[in-house]
């Protein structure tokens, strides 16, 4: 799904940037993807995707540690 019409960024683009770079801010996501915010209408959606991706990564990390114990 396209979340930023100005830069044609998808939710997968955002998730990939968070996963690859452990980015935690909207500015970092844009930087990682080689673009910058334009109108800002996507900021809330990108923030939500970042939060979801980081929470998912933390949960996976906890599961990995629990399984190796």
PDB file of N, CA and C in Angstrom:
ATOM      1  N   UNK A   1       0.841  -1.166   0.000  1.00  0.00           N
ATOM      2  CA  UNK A   1       0.000   0.000   0.000  1.00  0.00           C
ATOM      3  C   UNK A   1       0.899   1.245   0.000  1.00  0.00           C
ATOM      4  N   UNK A   2       0.591   2.204  -0.845  1.00  0.00           N
ATOM      5  CA  UNK A   2       1.338   3.463  -0.888  1.00  0.00           C
ATOM      6  C   UNK A   2       0.942   4.299   0.323  1.00  0.00           C
ATOM      7  N   UNK A   3       1.937   4.700   1.108  1.00  0.00           N
ATOM      8  CA  UNK A   3       1.663   5.521   2.293  1.00  0.00           C
ATOM      9  C   UNK A   3       2.125   6.964   2.096  1.00  0.00           C
ATOM     10  N   UNK A   4       3.020   7.195   1.149  1.00  0.00           N
ATOM     11  CA  UNK A   4       3.492   8.549   0.848  1.00  0.00           C
ATOM     12  C   UNK A   4       3.345   8.767  -0.655  1.00  0.00           C
ATOM     13  N   UNK A   5       2.348   9.551  -1.023  1.00  0.00           N
ATOM     14  CA  UNK A   5       2.105   9.809  -2.442  1.00  0.00           C
ATOM     15  C   UNK A   5       3.180  10.692  -3.053  1.00  0.00           C
ATOM     16  N   UNK A   6       3.715  11.619  -2.273  1.00  0.00           N
ATOM     17  CA  UNK A   6       4.731  12.548  -2.797  1.00  0.00           C
ATOM     18  C   UNK A   6       5.993  11.813  -3.247  1.00  0.00           C
ATOM     19  N   UNK A   7       6.409  10.816  -2.470  1.00  0.00           N
ATOM     20  CA  UNK A   7       7.629  10.061  -2.774  1.00  0.00           C
ATOM     21  C   UNK A   7       7.341   8.644  -3.255  1.00  0.00           C
ATOM     22  N   UNK A   8       6.082   8.296  -3.389  1.00  0.00           N
ATOM     23  CA  UNK A   8       5.621   6.970  -3.799  1.00  0.00           C
ATOM     24  C   UNK A   8       6.303   5.889  -2.951  1.00  0.00           C
ATOM     25  N   UNK A   9       6.123   6.004  -1.636  1.00  0.00           N
ATOM     26  CA  UNK A   9       6.663   5.019  -0.700  1.00  0.00           C
ATOM     27  C   UNK A   9       5.549   4.101  -0.231  1.00  0.00           C
ATOM     28  N   UNK A  10       5.861   2.827  -0.175  1.00  0.00           N
ATOM     29  CA  UNK A  10       4.882   1.856   0.302  1.00  0.00           C
ATOM     30  C   UNK A  10       5.140   1.521   1.767  1.00  0.00           C
ATOM     31  N   UNK A  11       4.181   0.855   2.371  1.00  0.00           N
ATOM     32  CA  UNK A  11       4.367   0.409   3.752  1.00  0.00           C
ATOM     33  C   UNK A  11       5.537  -0.569   3.826  1.00  0.00           C
ATOM     34  N   UNK A  12       5.734  -1.368   2.784  1.00  0.00           N
ATOM     35  CA  UNK A  12       6.865  -2.307   2.758  1.00  0.00           C
ATOM     36  C   UNK A  12       8.195  -1.575   2.687  1.00  0.00           C
ATOM     37  N   UNK A  13       8.239  -0.457   1.969  1.00  0.00           N
ATOM     38  CA  UNK A  13       9.459   0.357   1.927  1.00  0.00           C
ATOM     39  C   UNK A  13       9.818   0.819   3.332  1.00  0.00           C
ATOM     40  N   UNK A  14       8.816   1.297   4.059  1.00  0.00           N
ATOM     41  CA  UNK A  14       9.044   1.784   5.423  1.00  0.00           C
ATOM     42  C   UNK A  14       9.497   0.639   6.319  1.00  0.00           C
ATOM     43  N   UNK A  15       8.800  -0.496   6.247  1.00  0.00           N
ATOM     44  CA  UNK A  15       9.175  -1.650   7.075  1.00  0.00           C
ATOM     45  C   UNK A  15      10.599  -2.123   6.761  1.00  0.00           C
ATOM     46  N   UNK A  16      10.951  -2.139   5.493  1.00  0.00           N
ATOM     47  CA  UNK A  16      12.298  -2.561   5.098  1.00  0.00           C
ATOM     48  C   UNK A  16      13.360  -1.612   5.644  1.00  0.00           C
ATOM     49  N   UNK A  17      13.080  -0.313   5.603  1.00  0.00           N
ATOM     50  CA  UNK A  17      14.027   0.674   6.131  1.00  0.00           C
ATOM     51  C   UNK A  17      14.209   0.489   7.630  1.00  0.00           C
ATOM     52  N   UNK A  18      13.119   0.249   8.335  1.00  0.00           N
ATOM     53  CA  UNK A  18      13.202   0.043   9.788  1.00  0.00           C
ATOM     54  C   UNK A  18      13.997  -1.220  10.084  1.00  0.00           C
ATOM     55  N   UNK A  19      13.718  -2.282   9.348  1.00  0.00           N
ATOM     56  CA  UNK A  19      14.402  -3.552   9.587  1.00  0.00           C
ATOM     57  C   UNK A  19      15.894  -3.465   9.251  1.00  0.00           C
ATOM     58  N   UNK A  20      16.215  -2.859   8.131  1.00  0.00           N
ATOM     59  CA  UNK A  20      17.606  -2.805   7.679  1.00  0.00           C
ATOM     60  C   UNK A  20      18.462  -1.867   8.518  1.00  0.00           C
ATOM     61  N   UNK A  21      17.907  -0.751   8.904  1.00  0.00           N
ATOM     62  CA  UNK A  21      18.696   0.287   9.566  1.00  0.00           C
ATOM     63  C   UNK A  21      18.311   0.507  11.024  1.00  0.00           C
ATOM     64  N   UNK A  22      17.302  -0.211  11.519  1.00  0.00           N
ATOM     65  CA  UNK A  22      16.776   0.020  12.869  1.00  0.00           C
ATOM     66  C   UNK A  22      16.444   1.501  13.068  1.00  0.00           C
ATOM     67  N   UNK A  23      15.876   2.101  12.006  1.00  0.00           N
ATOM     68  CA  UNK A  23      15.469   3.495  12.085  1.00  0.00           C
ATOM     69  C   UNK A  23      14.274   3.621  13.004  1.00  0.00           C
ATOM     70  N   UNK A  24      14.223   4.711  13.727  1.00  0.00           N
ATOM     71  CA  UNK A  24      13.101   4.888  14.644  1.00  0.00           C
ATOM     72  C   UNK A  24      12.454   6.259  14.511  1.00  0.00           C
ATOM     73  N   UNK A  25      12.828   7.016  13.494  1.00  0.00           N
ATOM     74  CA  UNK A  25      12.164   8.296  13.268  1.00  0.00           C
ATOM     75  C   UNK A  25      11.755   8.404  11.804  1.00  0.00           C
ATOM     76  N   UNK A  26      10.787   9.252  11.570  1.00  0.00           N
ATOM     77  CA  UNK A  26      10.316   9.470  10.207  1.00  0.00           C
ATOM     78  C   UNK A  26      11.452  10.032   9.356  1.00  0.00           C
ATOM     79  N   UNK A  27      12.195  10.960   9.895  1.00  0.00           N
ATOM     80  CA  UNK A  27      13.324  11.556   9.163  1.00  0.00           C
ATOM     81  C   UNK A  27      14.337  10.484   8.763  1.00  0.00           C
ATOM     82  N   UNK A  28      14.633   9.557   9.679  1.00  0.00           N
ATOM     83  CA  UNK A  28      15.591   8.490   9.375  1.00  0.00           C
ATOM     84  C   UNK A  28      15.065   7.580   8.269  1.00  0.00           C
ATOM     85  N   UNK A  29      13.770   7.290   8.294  1.00  0.00           N
ATOM     86  CA  UNK A  29      13.180   6.453   7.243  1.00  0.00           C
ATOM     87  C   UNK A  29      13.352   7.135   5.895  1.00  0.00           C
ATOM     88  N   UNK A  30      12.986   8.405   5.824  1.00  0.00           N
ATOM     89  CA  UNK A  30      13.150   9.131   4.564  1.00  0.00           C
ATOM     90  C   UNK A  30      14.609   9.142   4.123  1.00  0.00           C
ATOM     91  N   UNK A  31      15.518   9.401   5.044  1.00  0.00           N
ATOM     92  CA  UNK A  31      16.939   9.415   4.709  1.00  0.00           C
ATOM     93  C   UNK A  31      17.416   8.075   4.185  1.00  0.00           C
ATOM     94  N   UNK A  32      16.980   7.012   4.832  1.00  0.00           N
ATOM     95  CA  UNK A  32      17.353   5.663   4.420  1.00  0.00           C
ATOM     96  C   UNK A  32      16.847   5.359   3.008  1.00  0.00           C
ATOM     97  N   UNK A  33      15.684   5.911   2.686  1.00  0.00           N
ATOM     98  CA  UNK A  33      15.080   5.654   1.383  1.00  0.00           C
ATOM     99  C   UNK A  33      15.486   6.688   0.330  1.00  0.00           C
ATOM    100  N   UNK A  34      16.354   7.623   0.719  1.00  0.00           N
ATOM    101  CA  UNK A  34      16.887   8.585  -0.238  1.00  0.00           C
ATOM    102  C   UNK A  34      15.927   9.674  -0.663  1.00  0.00           C
ATOM    103  N   UNK A  35      15.025  10.055   0.208  1.00  0.00           N
ATOM    104  CA  UNK A  35      14.089  11.121  -0.121  1.00  0.00           C
ATOM    105  C   UNK A  35      13.830  11.967   1.125  1.00  0.00           C
ATOM    106  N   UNK A  36      12.917  12.908   1.023  1.00  0.00           N
ATOM    107  CA  UNK A  36      12.582  13.736   2.181  1.00  0.00           C
ATOM    108  C   UNK A  36      11.085  14.001   2.186  1.00  0.00           C
ATOM    109  N   UNK A  37      10.583  14.364   3.349  1.00  0.00           N
ATOM    110  CA  UNK A  37       9.152  14.646   3.490  1.00  0.00           C
ATOM    111  C   UNK A  37       8.784  15.844   2.624  1.00  0.00           C
ATOM    112  N   UNK A  38       7.607  15.780   2.066  1.00  0.00           N
ATOM    113  CA  UNK A  38       7.117  16.882   1.237  1.00  0.00           C
ATOM    114  C   UNK A  38       5.940  17.568   1.936  1.00  0.00           C
ATOM    115  N   UNK A  39       4.760  16.996   1.854  1.00  0.00           N
ATOM    116  CA  UNK A  39       3.574  17.642   2.424  1.00  0.00           C
ATOM    117  C   UNK A  39       3.324  17.239   3.876  1.00  0.00           C
ATOM    118  N   UNK A  40       3.826  16.082   4.295  1.00  0.00           N
ATOM    119  CA  UNK A  40       3.681  15.648   5.682  1.00  0.00           C
ATOM    120  C   UNK A  40       2.413  14.893   6.015  1.00  0.00           C
ATOM    121  N   UNK A  41       1.516  14.698   5.055  1.00  0.00           N
ATOM    122  CA  UNK A  41       0.270  13.989   5.347  1.00  0.00           C
ATOM    123  C   UNK A  41       0.485  12.529   5.721  1.00  0.00           C
ATOM    124  N   UNK A  42       1.619  11.977   5.353  1.00  0.00           N
ATOM    125  CA  UNK A  42       1.890  10.570   5.624  1.00  0.00           C
ATOM    126  C   UNK A  42       2.549  10.343   6.984  1.00  0.00           C
ATOM    127  N   UNK A  43       2.906  11.402   7.682  1.00  0.00           N
ATOM    128  CA  UNK A  43       3.711  11.282   8.905  1.00  0.00           C
ATOM    129  C   UNK A  43       3.085  10.350   9.941  1.00  0.00           C
ATOM    130  N   UNK A  44       1.809  10.483  10.201  1.00  0.00           N
ATOM    131  CA  UNK A  44       1.160   9.619  11.207  1.00  0.00           C
ATOM    132  C   UNK A  44       1.187   8.155  10.791  1.00  0.00           C
ATOM    133  N   UNK A  45       0.929   7.909   9.531  1.00  0.00           N
ATOM    134  CA  UNK A  45       0.926   6.530   9.043  1.00  0.00           C
ATOM    135  C   UNK A  45       2.327   5.932   9.112  1.00  0.00           C
ATOM    136  N   UNK A  46       3.327   6.690   8.699  1.00  0.00           N
ATOM    137  CA  UNK A  46       4.702   6.192   8.758  1.00  0.00           C
ATOM    138  C   UNK A  46       5.113   5.954  10.207  1.00  0.00           C
ATOM    139  N   UNK A  47       4.743   6.845  11.108  1.00  0.00           N
ATOM    140  CA  UNK A  47       5.057   6.672  12.536  1.00  0.00           C
ATOM    141  C   UNK A  47       4.435   5.374  13.060  1.00  0.00           C
ATOM    142  N   UNK A  48       3.187   5.106  12.669  1.00  0.00           N
ATOM    143  CA  UNK A  48       2.505   3.880  13.101  1.00  0.00           C
ATOM    144  C   UNK A  48       3.228   2.648  12.567  1.00  0.00           C
ATOM    145  N   UNK A  49       3.638   2.686  11.312  1.00  0.00           N
ATOM    146  CA  UNK A  49       4.346   1.555  10.711  1.00  0.00           C
ATOM    147  C   UNK A  49       5.689   1.344  11.404  1.00  0.00           C
ATOM    148  N   UNK A  50       6.400   2.425  11.701  1.00  0.00           N
ATOM    149  CA  UNK A  50       7.673   2.320  12.424  1.00  0.00           C
ATOM    150  C   UNK A  50       7.446   1.650  13.771  1.00  0.00           C
ATOM    151  N   UNK A  51       6.450   2.133  14.515  1.00  0.00           N
ATOM    152  CA  UNK A  51       6.163   1.574  15.840  1.00  0.00           C
ATOM    153  C   UNK A  51       5.815   0.088  15.757  1.00  0.00           C
ATOM    154  N   UNK A  52       4.992  -0.280  14.771  1.00  0.00           N
ATOM    155  CA  UNK A  52       4.620  -1.689  14.591  1.00  0.00           C
ATOM    156  C   UNK A  52       5.840  -2.539  14.245  1.00  0.00           C
ATOM    157  N   UNK A  53       6.675  -2.049  13.353  1.00  0.00           N
ATOM    158  CA  UNK A  53       7.857  -2.811  12.926  1.00  0.00           C
ATOM    159  C   UNK A  53       8.837  -2.993  14.078  1.00  0.00           C
ATOM    160  N   UNK A  54       9.046  -1.944  14.863  1.00  0.00           N
ATOM    161  CA  UNK A  54       9.959  -2.055  16.005  1.00  0.00           C
ATOM    162  C   UNK A  54       9.404  -2.999  17.062  1.00  0.00           C
ATOM    163  N   UNK A  55       8.092  -2.930  17.311  1.00  0.00           N
ATOM    164  CA  UNK A  55       7.470  -3.834  18.282  1.00  0.00           C
ATOM    165  C   UNK A  55       7.582  -5.278  17.811  1.00  0.00           C
ATOM    166  N   UNK A  56       7.384  -5.498  16.529  1.00  0.00           N
ATOM    167  CA  UNK A  56       7.498  -6.842  15.966  1.00  0.00           C
ATOM    168  C   UNK A  56       8.927  -7.364  16.095  1.00  0.00           C
ATOM    169  N   UNK A  57       9.904  -6.507  15.841  1.00  0.00           N
ATOM    170  CA  UNK A  57      11.309  -6.906  15.957  1.00  0.00           C
ATOM    171  C   UNK A  57      11.657  -7.232  17.403  1.00  0.00           C
ATOM    172  N   UNK A  58      11.140  -6.440  18.343  1.00  0.00           N
ATOM    173  CA  UNK A  58      11.394  -6.713  19.765  1.00  0.00           C
ATOM    174  C   UNK A  58      10.772  -8.040  20.179  1.00  0.00           C
ATOM    175  N   UNK A  59       9.552  -8.294  19.728  1.00  0.00           N
ATOM    176  CA  UNK A  59       8.878  -9.547  20.069  1.00  0.00           C
ATOM    177  C   UNK A  59       9.642 -10.736  19.499  1.00  0.00           C
ATOM    178  N   UNK A  60      10.111 -10.618  18.276  1.00  0.00           N
ATOM    179  CA  UNK A  60      10.878 -11.705  17.657  1.00  0.00           C
ATOM    180  C   UNK A  60      12.172 -11.939  18.416  1.00  0.00           C
ATOM    181  N   UNK A  61      12.809 -10.865  18.834  1.00  0.00           N
ATOM    182  CA  UNK A  61      14.053 -10.974  19.595  1.00  0.00           C
ATOM    183  C   UNK A  61      13.813 -11.675  20.925  1.00  0.00           C
ATOM    184  N   UNK A  62      12.723 -11.334  21.596  1.00  0.00           N
ATOM    185  CA  UNK A  62      12.387 -11.975  22.871  1.00  0.00           C
ATOM    186  C   UNK A  62      12.092 -13.458  22.670  1.00  0.00           C
ATOM    187  N   UNK A  63      11.381 -13.784  21.586  1.00  0.00           N
ATOM    188  CA  UNK A  63      11.073 -15.186  21.294  1.00  0.00           C
ATOM    189  C   UNK A  63      12.339 -15.974  21.012  1.00  0.00           C
ATOM    190  N   UNK A  64      13.275 -15.368  20.281  1.00  0.00           N
ATOM    191  CA  UNK A  64      14.543 -16.042  19.987  1.00  0.00           C
ATOM    192  C   UNK A  64      15.316 -16.329  21.266  1.00  0.00           C
ATOM    193  N   UNK A  65      15.341 -15.350  22.167  1.00  0.00           N
ATOM    194  CA  UNK A  65      16.060 -15.546  23.432  1.00  0.00           C
ATOM    195  C   UNK A  65      15.398 -16.622  24.279  1.00  0.00           C
ATOM    196  N   UNK A  66      14.074 -16.650  24.297  1.00  0.00           N
ATOM    197  CA  UNK A  66      13.350 -17.635  25.099  1.00  0.00           C
ATOM    198  C   UNK A  66      13.583 -19.047  24.561  1.00  0.00           C
ATOM    199  N   UNK A  67      13.644 -19.186  23.248  1.00  0.00           N
ATOM    200  CA  UNK A  67      13.845 -20.502  22.653  1.00  0.00           C
ATOM    201  C   UNK A  67      15.265 -21.009  22.849  1.00  0.00           C
ATOM    202  N   UNK A  68      16.234 -20.107  22.930  1.00  0.00           N
ATOM    203  CA  UNK A  68      17.617 -20.546  23.095  1.00  0.00           C
ATOM    204  C   UNK A  68      17.974 -20.802  24.556  1.00  0.00           C
ATOM    205  N   UNK A  69      17.078 -20.472  25.466  1.00  0.00           N
ATOM    206  CA  UNK A  69      17.345 -20.703  26.900  1.00  0.00           C
ATOM    207  C   UNK A  69      17.053 -22.119  27.304  1.00  0.00           C
TER     208      UNK A  69
END
